Amino acid sequence: MADSGEQMEIPGLETPRNDRVHRAAKAYYKAMQLRKAELENEVAAHATLLRIMLEEGVEIYNYNGIEARIDVTKKVKVKNTEPSKEE
């Protein structure tokens, strides 16, 4: 029989539910899914920015506190050049 990677439970010896661990695990899983979705959005936004900058022939863009520059590896580096306003 092939190992599926899952531990088999013996009837009557199932893992008991631990409410605190269960809630924490669900919260972490939700946060992990949100982070994954945001990463996908970031990757798409990066690709769009790079494509537009290449189409427009702009290697360095610096306006109103936003700087975007295409480096030699054809990646765009973006940073906020204005000092942060701490409250």
PDB file of N, CA and C in Angstrom:
ATOM      1  N   MET A   1       0.847  -1.178   0.000  1.00  0.00           N
ATOM      2  CA  MET A   1       0.000   0.000   0.000  1.00  0.00           C
ATOM      3  C   MET A   1       0.892   1.240   0.000  1.00  0.00           C
ATOM      4  N   ALA A   2       0.580   2.219  -0.856  1.00  0.00           N
ATOM      5  CA  ALA A   2       1.374   3.446  -0.970  1.00  0.00           C
ATOM      6  C   ALA A   2       1.096   4.364   0.217  1.00  0.00           C
ATOM      7  N   ASP A   3       2.128   5.062   0.620  1.00  0.00           N
ATOM      8  CA  ASP A   3       2.006   6.014   1.731  1.00  0.00           C
ATOM      9  C   ASP A   3       1.402   7.307   1.204  1.00  0.00           C
ATOM     10  N   SER A   4       0.236   7.692   1.724  1.00  0.00           N
ATOM     11  CA  SER A   4      -0.433   8.907   1.263  1.00  0.00           C
ATOM     12  C   SER A   4       0.064  10.137   1.997  1.00  0.00           C
ATOM     13  N   GLY A   5       0.895   9.965   3.007  1.00  0.00           N
ATOM     14  CA  GLY A   5       1.396  11.098   3.764  1.00  0.00           C
ATOM     15  C   GLY A   5       0.479  11.503   4.900  1.00  0.00           C
ATOM     16  N   GLU A   6      -0.675  10.867   4.996  1.00  0.00           N
ATOM     17  CA  GLU A   6      -1.614  11.185   6.066  1.00  0.00           C
ATOM     18  C   GLU A   6      -1.599  10.068   7.099  1.00  0.00           C
ATOM     19  N   GLN A   7      -1.684  10.469   8.338  1.00  0.00           N
ATOM     20  CA  GLN A   7      -1.714   9.489   9.404  1.00  0.00           C
ATOM     21  C   GLN A   7      -3.132   8.948   9.533  1.00  0.00           C
ATOM     22  N   MET A   8      -3.243   7.634   9.578  1.00  0.00           N
ATOM     23  CA  MET A   8      -4.560   7.017   9.738  1.00  0.00           C
ATOM     24  C   MET A   8      -4.972   7.119  11.198  1.00  0.00           C
ATOM     25  N   GLU A   9      -6.249   7.363  11.424  1.00  0.00           N
ATOM     26  CA  GLU A   9      -6.754   7.431  12.788  1.00  0.00           C
ATOM     27  C   GLU A   9      -7.423   6.113  13.135  1.00  0.00           C
ATOM     28  N   ILE A  10      -7.154   5.673  14.323  1.00  0.00           N
ATOM     29  CA  ILE A  10      -7.753   4.441  14.809  1.00  0.00           C
ATOM     30  C   ILE A  10      -9.107   4.802  15.402  1.00  0.00           C
ATOM     31  N   PRO A  11     -10.165   4.078  15.029  1.00  0.00           N
ATOM     32  CA  PRO A  11     -11.489   4.398  15.574  1.00  0.00           C
ATOM     33  C   PRO A  11     -11.461   4.479  17.096  1.00  0.00           C
ATOM     34  N   GLY A  12     -12.051   5.556  17.605  1.00  0.00           N
ATOM     35  CA  GLY A  12     -12.088   5.771  19.041  1.00  0.00           C
ATOM     36  C   GLY A  12     -10.907   6.573  19.559  1.00  0.00           C
ATOM     37  N   LEU A  13      -9.883   6.756  18.720  1.00  0.00           N
ATOM     38  CA  LEU A  13      -8.699   7.507  19.136  1.00  0.00           C
ATOM     39  C   LEU A  13      -8.468   8.732  18.247  1.00  0.00           C
ATOM     40  N   GLU A  14      -9.540   9.255  17.669  1.00  0.00           N
ATOM     41  CA  GLU A  14      -9.423  10.431  16.820  1.00  0.00           C
ATOM     42  C   GLU A  14      -8.898  11.613  17.626  1.00  0.00           C
ATOM     43  N   THR A  15      -8.239  12.531  16.937  1.00  0.00           N
ATOM     44  CA  THR A  15      -7.736  13.737  17.591  1.00  0.00           C
ATOM     45  C   THR A  15      -8.916  14.542  18.099  1.00  0.00           C
ATOM     46  N   PRO A  16      -8.927  14.882  19.384  1.00  0.00           N
ATOM     47  CA  PRO A  16     -10.037  15.679  19.900  1.00  0.00           C
ATOM     48  C   PRO A  16      -9.918  17.119  19.411  1.00  0.00           C
ATOM     49  N   ARG A  17     -11.052  17.776  19.264  1.00  0.00           N
ATOM     50  CA  ARG A  17     -11.063  19.175  18.834  1.00  0.00           C
ATOM     51  C   ARG A  17     -10.569  20.044  19.984  1.00  0.00           C
ATOM     52  N   ASN A  18      -9.671  20.959  19.657  1.00  0.00           N
ATOM     53  CA  ASN A  18      -9.178  21.952  20.604  1.00  0.00           C
ATOM     54  C   ASN A  18      -9.623  23.296  20.043  1.00  0.00           C
ATOM     55  N   ASP A  19     -10.616  23.918  20.671  1.00  0.00           N
ATOM     56  CA  ASP A  19     -11.213  25.133  20.136  1.00  0.00           C
ATOM     57  C   ASP A  19     -10.201  26.253  19.917  1.00  0.00           C
ATOM     58  N   ARG A  20      -9.297  26.479  20.854  1.00  0.00           N
ATOM     59  CA  ARG A  20      -8.315  27.560  20.702  1.00  0.00           C
ATOM     60  C   ARG A  20      -7.391  27.294  19.524  1.00  0.00           C
ATOM     61  N   VAL A  21      -6.890  26.071  19.426  1.00  0.00           N
ATOM     62  CA  VAL A  21      -5.993  25.730  18.323  1.00  0.00           C
ATOM     63  C   VAL A  21      -6.756  25.795  17.008  1.00  0.00           C
ATOM     64  N   HIS A  22      -7.991  25.301  16.998  1.00  0.00           N
ATOM     65  CA  HIS A  22      -8.795  25.290  15.780  1.00  0.00           C
ATOM     66  C   HIS A  22      -9.052  26.713  15.281  1.00  0.00           C
ATOM     67  N   ARG A  23      -9.440  27.620  16.187  1.00  0.00           N
ATOM     68  CA  ARG A  23      -9.697  29.013  15.801  1.00  0.00           C
ATOM     69  C   ARG A  23      -8.420  29.678  15.290  1.00  0.00           C
ATOM     70  N   ALA A  24      -7.316  29.448  15.987  1.00  0.00           N
ATOM     71  CA  ALA A  24      -6.042  30.046  15.577  1.00  0.00           C
ATOM     72  C   ALA A  24      -5.599  29.506  14.218  1.00  0.00           C
ATOM     73  N   ALA A  25      -5.785  28.215  13.997  1.00  0.00           N
ATOM     74  CA  ALA A  25      -5.410  27.615  12.716  1.00  0.00           C
ATOM     75  C   ALA A  25      -6.274  28.165  11.587  1.00  0.00           C
ATOM     76  N   LYS A  26      -7.579  28.330  11.838  1.00  0.00           N
ATOM     77  CA  LYS A  26      -8.469  28.893  10.816  1.00  0.00           C
ATOM     78  C   LYS A  26      -8.099  30.339  10.510  1.00  0.00           C
ATOM     79  N   ALA A  27      -7.764  31.125  11.540  1.00  0.00           N
ATOM     80  CA  ALA A  27      -7.382  32.523  11.341  1.00  0.00           C
ATOM     81  C   ALA A  27      -6.087  32.616  10.530  1.00  0.00           C
ATOM     82  N   TYR A  28      -5.136  31.761  10.847  1.00  0.00           N
ATOM     83  CA  TYR A  28      -3.876  31.750  10.107  1.00  0.00           C
ATOM     84  C   TYR A  28      -4.111  31.353   8.661  1.00  0.00           C
ATOM     85  N   TYR A  29      -4.928  30.335   8.437  1.00  0.00           N
ATOM     86  CA  TYR A  29      -5.206  29.879   7.075  1.00  0.00           C
ATOM     87  C   TYR A  29      -5.859  30.993   6.265  1.00  0.00           C
ATOM     88  N   LYS A  30      -6.794  31.723   6.885  1.00  0.00           N
ATOM     89  CA  LYS A  30      -7.459  32.830   6.193  1.00  0.00           C
ATOM     90  C   LYS A  30      -6.439  33.917   5.842  1.00  0.00           C
ATOM     91  N   ALA A  31      -5.566  34.260   6.778  1.00  0.00           N
ATOM     92  CA  ALA A  31      -4.537  35.269   6.535  1.00  0.00           C
ATOM     93  C   ALA A  31      -3.593  34.814   5.421  1.00  0.00           C
ATOM     94  N   MET A  32      -3.267  33.541   5.410  1.00  0.00           N
ATOM     95  CA  MET A  32      -2.391  32.982   4.392  1.00  0.00           C
ATOM     96  C   MET A  32      -3.042  33.091   3.012  1.00  0.00           C
ATOM     97  N   GLN A  33      -4.338  32.808   2.928  1.00  0.00           N
ATOM     98  CA  GLN A  33      -5.056  32.909   1.658  1.00  0.00           C
ATOM     99  C   GLN A  33      -5.126  34.361   1.182  1.00  0.00           C
ATOM    100  N   LEU A  34      -5.348  35.298   2.107  1.00  0.00           N
ATOM    101  CA  LEU A  34      -5.389  36.721   1.750  1.00  0.00           C
ATOM    102  C   LEU A  34      -4.024  37.185   1.249  1.00  0.00           C
ATOM    103  N   ARG A  35      -2.962  36.755   1.921  1.00  0.00           N
ATOM    104  CA  ARG A  35      -1.605  37.119   1.497  1.00  0.00           C
ATOM    105  C   ARG A  35      -1.322  36.579   0.105  1.00  0.00           C
ATOM    106  N   LYS A  36      -1.738  35.363  -0.152  1.00  0.00           N
ATOM    107  CA  LYS A  36      -1.530  34.758  -1.471  1.00  0.00           C
ATOM    108  C   LYS A  36      -2.266  35.554  -2.541  1.00  0.00           C
ATOM    109  N   ALA A  37      -3.499  35.956  -2.261  1.00  0.00           N
ATOM    110  CA  ALA A  37      -4.275  36.734  -3.224  1.00  0.00           C
ATOM    111  C   ALA A  37      -3.616  38.090  -3.458  1.00  0.00           C
ATOM    112  N   GLU A  38      -3.128  38.726  -2.383  1.00  0.00           N
ATOM    113  CA  GLU A  38      -2.459  40.024  -2.526  1.00  0.00           C
ATOM    114  C   GLU A  38      -1.165  39.889  -3.320  1.00  0.00           C
ATOM    115  N   LEU A  39      -0.449  38.791  -3.124  1.00  0.00           N
ATOM    116  CA  LEU A  39       0.779  38.573  -3.881  1.00  0.00           C
ATOM    117  C   LEU A  39       0.457  38.453  -5.366  1.00  0.00           C
ATOM    118  N   GLU A  40      -0.613  37.741  -5.696  1.00  0.00           N
ATOM    119  CA  GLU A  40      -1.022  37.605  -7.097  1.00  0.00           C
ATOM    120  C   GLU A  40      -1.368  38.971  -7.683  1.00  0.00           C
ATOM    121  N   ASN A  41      -2.050  39.825  -6.895  1.00  0.00           N
ATOM    122  CA  ASN A  41      -2.368  41.184  -7.347  1.00  0.00           C
ATOM    123  C   ASN A  41      -1.092  41.996  -7.548  1.00  0.00           C
ATOM    124  N   GLU A  42      -0.138  41.862  -6.625  1.00  0.00           N
ATOM    125  CA  GLU A  42       1.118  42.597  -6.734  1.00  0.00           C
ATOM    126  C   GLU A  42       1.893  42.183  -7.983  1.00  0.00           C
ATOM    127  N   VAL A  43       1.955  40.888  -8.249  1.00  0.00           N
ATOM    128  CA  VAL A  43       2.673  40.391  -9.420  1.00  0.00           C
ATOM    129  C   VAL A  43       2.032  40.926 -10.703  1.00  0.00           C
ATOM    130  N   ALA A  44       0.700  40.930 -10.753  1.00  0.00           N
ATOM    131  CA  ALA A  44      -0.002  41.451 -11.930  1.00  0.00           C
ATOM    132  C   ALA A  44       0.231  42.948 -12.092  1.00  0.00           C
ATOM    133  N   ALA A  45       0.202  43.703 -10.990  1.00  0.00           N
ATOM    134  CA  ALA A  45       0.430  45.151 -11.047  1.00  0.00           C
ATOM    135  C   ALA A  45       1.859  45.447 -11.499  1.00  0.00           C
ATOM    136  N   HIS A  46       2.814  44.668 -11.019  1.00  0.00           N
ATOM    137  CA  HIS A  46       4.209  44.841 -11.418  1.00  0.00           C
ATOM    138  C   HIS A  46       4.358  44.610 -12.917  1.00  0.00           C
ATOM    139  N   ALA A  47       3.756  43.542 -13.426  1.00  0.00           N
ATOM    140  CA  ALA A  47       3.846  43.229 -14.855  1.00  0.00           C
ATOM    141  C   ALA A  47       3.213  44.339 -15.693  1.00  0.00           C
ATOM    142  N   THR A  48       2.086  44.871 -15.228  1.00  0.00           N
ATOM    143  CA  THR A  48       1.415  45.953 -15.948  1.00  0.00           C
ATOM    144  C   THR A  48       2.284  47.204 -15.971  1.00  0.00           C
ATOM    145  N   LEU A  49       2.847  47.561 -14.814  1.00  0.00           N
ATOM    146  CA  LEU A  49       3.712  48.743 -14.737  1.00  0.00           C
ATOM    147  C   LEU A  49       4.917  48.582 -15.658  1.00  0.00           C
ATOM    148  N   LEU A  50       5.568  47.435 -15.618  1.00  0.00           N
ATOM    149  CA  LEU A  50       6.739  47.203 -16.458  1.00  0.00           C
ATOM    150  C   LEU A  50       6.366  47.306 -17.935  1.00  0.00           C
ATOM    151  N   ARG A  51       5.266  46.690 -18.323  1.00  0.00           N
ATOM    152  CA  ARG A  51       4.821  46.722 -19.712  1.00  0.00           C
ATOM    153  C   ARG A  51       4.563  48.154 -20.162  1.00  0.00           C
ATOM    154  N   ILE A  52       3.850  48.925 -19.342  1.00  0.00           N
ATOM    155  CA  ILE A  52       3.522  50.314 -19.704  1.00  0.00           C
ATOM    156  C   ILE A  52       4.784  51.168 -19.783  1.00  0.00           C
ATOM    157  N   MET A  53       5.692  51.002 -18.827  1.00  0.00           N
ATOM    158  CA  MET A  53       6.924  51.789 -18.868  1.00  0.00           C
ATOM    159  C   MET A  53       7.739  51.461 -20.116  1.00  0.00           C
ATOM    160  N   LEU A  54       7.797  50.194 -20.490  1.00  0.00           N
ATOM    161  CA  LEU A  54       8.520  49.811 -21.706  1.00  0.00           C
ATOM    162  C   LEU A  54       7.821  50.364 -22.946  1.00  0.00           C
ATOM    163  N   GLU A  55       6.491  50.281 -22.998  1.00  0.00           N
ATOM    164  CA  GLU A  55       5.733  50.829 -24.130  1.00  0.00           C
ATOM    165  C   GLU A  55       5.944  52.334 -24.264  1.00  0.00           C
ATOM    166  N   GLU A  56       6.008  53.024 -23.131  1.00  0.00           N
ATOM    167  CA  GLU A  56       6.161  54.484 -23.138  1.00  0.00           C
ATOM    168  C   GLU A  56       7.621  54.922 -23.259  1.00  0.00           C
ATOM    169  N   GLY A  57       8.552  53.968 -23.192  1.00  0.00           N
ATOM    170  CA  GLY A  57       9.966  54.300 -23.278  1.00  0.00           C
ATOM    171  C   GLY A  57      10.480  55.036 -22.051  1.00  0.00           C
ATOM    172  N   VAL A  58       9.867  54.793 -20.903  1.00  0.00           N
ATOM    173  CA  VAL A  58      10.238  55.460 -19.660  1.00  0.00           C
ATOM    174  C   VAL A  58      11.037  54.484 -18.799  1.00  0.00           C
ATOM    175  N   GLU A  59      12.319  54.801 -18.570  1.00  0.00           N
ATOM    176  CA  GLU A  59      13.147  53.943 -17.719  1.00  0.00           C
ATOM    177  C   GLU A  59      13.126  54.388 -16.262  1.00  0.00           C
ATOM    178  N   ILE A  60      12.951  55.704 -16.051  1.00  0.00           N
ATOM    179  CA  ILE A  60      12.879  56.247 -14.697  1.00  0.00           C
ATOM    180  C   ILE A  60      11.696  57.200 -14.633  1.00  0.00           C
ATOM    181  N   TYR A  61      10.845  56.997 -13.640  1.00  0.00           N
ATOM    182  CA  TYR A  61       9.688  57.871 -13.428  1.00  0.00           C
ATOM    183  C   TYR A  61       9.758  58.362 -11.991  1.00  0.00           C
ATOM    184  N   ASN A  62       9.743  59.679 -11.822  1.00  0.00           N
ATOM    185  CA  ASN A  62       9.807  60.241 -10.479  1.00  0.00           C
ATOM    186  C   ASN A  62       8.864  61.431 -10.445  1.00  0.00           C
ATOM    187  N   TYR A  63       7.745  61.284  -9.767  1.00  0.00           N
ATOM    188  CA  TYR A  63       6.758  62.359  -9.714  1.00  0.00           C
ATOM    189  C   TYR A  63       5.982  62.273  -8.413  1.00  0.00           C
ATOM    190  N   ASN A  64       5.866  63.384  -7.739  1.00  0.00           N
ATOM    191  CA  ASN A  64       5.003  63.520  -6.565  1.00  0.00           C
ATOM    192  C   ASN A  64       5.230  62.430  -5.516  1.00  0.00           C
ATOM    193  N   GLY A  65       6.503  62.147  -5.264  1.00  0.00           N
ATOM    194  CA  GLY A  65       6.820  61.200  -4.198  1.00  0.00           C
ATOM    195  C   GLY A  65       6.842  59.741  -4.601  1.00  0.00           C
ATOM    196  N   ILE A  66       6.590  59.439  -5.869  1.00  0.00           N
ATOM    197  CA  ILE A  66       6.636  58.049  -6.339  1.00  0.00           C
ATOM    198  C   ILE A  66       7.778  57.935  -7.341  1.00  0.00           C
ATOM    199  N   GLU A  67       8.671  57.003  -7.089  1.00  0.00           N
ATOM    200  CA  GLU A  67       9.766  56.752  -8.016  1.00  0.00           C
ATOM    201  C   GLU A  67       9.686  55.316  -8.507  1.00  0.00           C
ATOM    202  N   ALA A  68       9.727  55.149  -9.825  1.00  0.00           N
ATOM    203  CA  ALA A  68       9.750  53.820 -10.435  1.00  0.00           C
ATOM    204  C   ALA A  68      10.903  53.798 -11.419  1.00  0.00           C
ATOM    205  N   ARG A  69      11.706  52.755 -11.347  1.00  0.00           N
ATOM    206  CA  ARG A  69      12.846  52.676 -12.262  1.00  0.00           C
ATOM    207  C   ARG A  69      13.004  51.231 -12.706  1.00  0.00           C
ATOM    208  N   ILE A  70      13.294  51.051 -13.994  1.00  0.00           N
ATOM    209  CA  ILE A  70      13.533  49.716 -14.539  1.00  0.00           C
ATOM    210  C   ILE A  70      15.013  49.417 -14.372  1.00  0.00           C
ATOM    211  N   ASP A  71      15.334  48.299 -13.734  1.00  0.00           N
ATOM    212  CA  ASP A  71      16.744  47.955 -13.577  1.00  0.00           C
ATOM    213  C   ASP A  71      17.197  47.084 -14.758  1.00  0.00           C
ATOM    214  N   VAL A  72      18.447  46.711 -14.756  1.00  0.00           N
ATOM    215  CA  VAL A  72      19.018  45.982 -15.891  1.00  0.00           C
ATOM    216  C   VAL A  72      18.404  44.599 -16.097  1.00  0.00           C
ATOM    217  N   THR A  73      17.765  44.057 -15.068  1.00  0.00           N
ATOM    218  CA  THR A  73      17.138  42.740 -15.205  1.00  0.00           C
ATOM    219  C   THR A  73      15.687  42.853 -15.663  1.00  0.00           C
ATOM    220  N   LYS A  74      15.283  44.059 -16.067  1.00  0.00           N
ATOM    221  CA  LYS A  74      13.924  44.343 -16.520  1.00  0.00           C
ATOM    222  C   LYS A  74      12.896  44.138 -15.419  1.00  0.00           C
ATOM    223  N   LYS A  75      13.275  44.523 -14.214  1.00  0.00           N
ATOM    224  CA  LYS A  75      12.340  44.554 -13.095  1.00  0.00           C
ATOM    225  C   LYS A  75      12.151  46.005 -12.711  1.00  0.00           C
ATOM    226  N   VAL A  76      10.981  46.347 -12.223  1.00  0.00           N
ATOM    227  CA  VAL A  76      10.712  47.719 -11.820  1.00  0.00           C
ATOM    228  C   VAL A  76      10.875  47.835 -10.318  1.00  0.00           C
ATOM    229  N   LYS A  77      11.640  48.801  -9.896  1.00  0.00           N
ATOM    230  CA  LYS A  77      11.809  49.099  -8.472  1.00  0.00           C
ATOM    231  C   LYS A  77      10.985  50.344  -8.184  1.00  0.00           C
ATOM    232  N   VAL A  78      10.097  50.272  -7.194  1.00  0.00           N
ATOM    233  CA  VAL A  78       9.238  51.407  -6.846  1.00  0.00           C
ATOM    234  C   VAL A  78       9.444  51.734  -5.375  1.00  0.00           C
ATOM    235  N   LYS A  79       9.542  53.032  -5.071  1.00  0.00           N
ATOM    236  CA  LYS A  79       9.644  53.423  -3.673  1.00  0.00           C
ATOM    237  C   LYS A  79       8.972  54.772  -3.483  1.00  0.00           C
ATOM    238  N   ASN A  80       8.608  55.034  -2.256  1.00  0.00           N
ATOM    239  CA  ASN A  80       8.032  56.313  -1.881  1.00  0.00           C
ATOM    240  C   ASN A  80       9.194  57.195  -1.466  1.00  0.00           C
ATOM    241  N   THR A  81       9.358  58.333  -2.135  1.00  0.00           N
ATOM    242  CA  THR A  81      10.500  59.198  -1.844  1.00  0.00           C
ATOM    243  C   THR A  81      10.161  60.313  -0.871  1.00  0.00           C
ATOM    244  N   GLU A  82       8.913  60.388  -0.446  1.00  0.00           N
ATOM    245  CA  GLU A  82       8.516  61.390   0.536  1.00  0.00           C
ATOM    246  C   GLU A  82       8.707  60.831   1.940  1.00  0.00           C
ATOM    247  N   PRO A  83       9.122  61.668   2.885  1.00  0.00           N
ATOM    248  CA  PRO A  83       9.261  61.180   4.262  1.00  0.00           C
ATOM    249  C   PRO A  83       7.901  60.732   4.796  1.00  0.00           C
ATOM    250  N   SER A  84       7.913  59.668   5.592  1.00  0.00           N
ATOM    251  CA  SER A  84       6.651  59.174   6.143  1.00  0.00           C
ATOM    252  C   SER A  84       6.104  60.176   7.164  1.00  0.00           C
ATOM    253  N   LYS A  85       4.816  60.276   7.187  1.00  0.00           N
ATOM    254  CA  LYS A  85       4.141  61.195   8.117  1.00  0.00           C
ATOM    255  C   LYS A  85       3.604  60.382   9.278  1.00  0.00           C
ATOM    256  N   GLU A  86       4.350  60.356  10.366  1.00  0.00           N
ATOM    257  CA  GLU A  86       3.922  59.593  11.531  1.00  0.00           C
ATOM    258  C   GLU A  86       2.951  60.423  12.340  1.00  0.00           C
ATOM    259  N   GLU A  87       1.930  59.754  12.821  1.00  0.00           N
ATOM    260  CA  GLU A  87       0.883  60.452  13.586  1.00  0.00           C
ATOM    261  C   GLU A  87       1.133  60.373  15.054  1.00  0.00           C
TER     262      GLU A  87
END
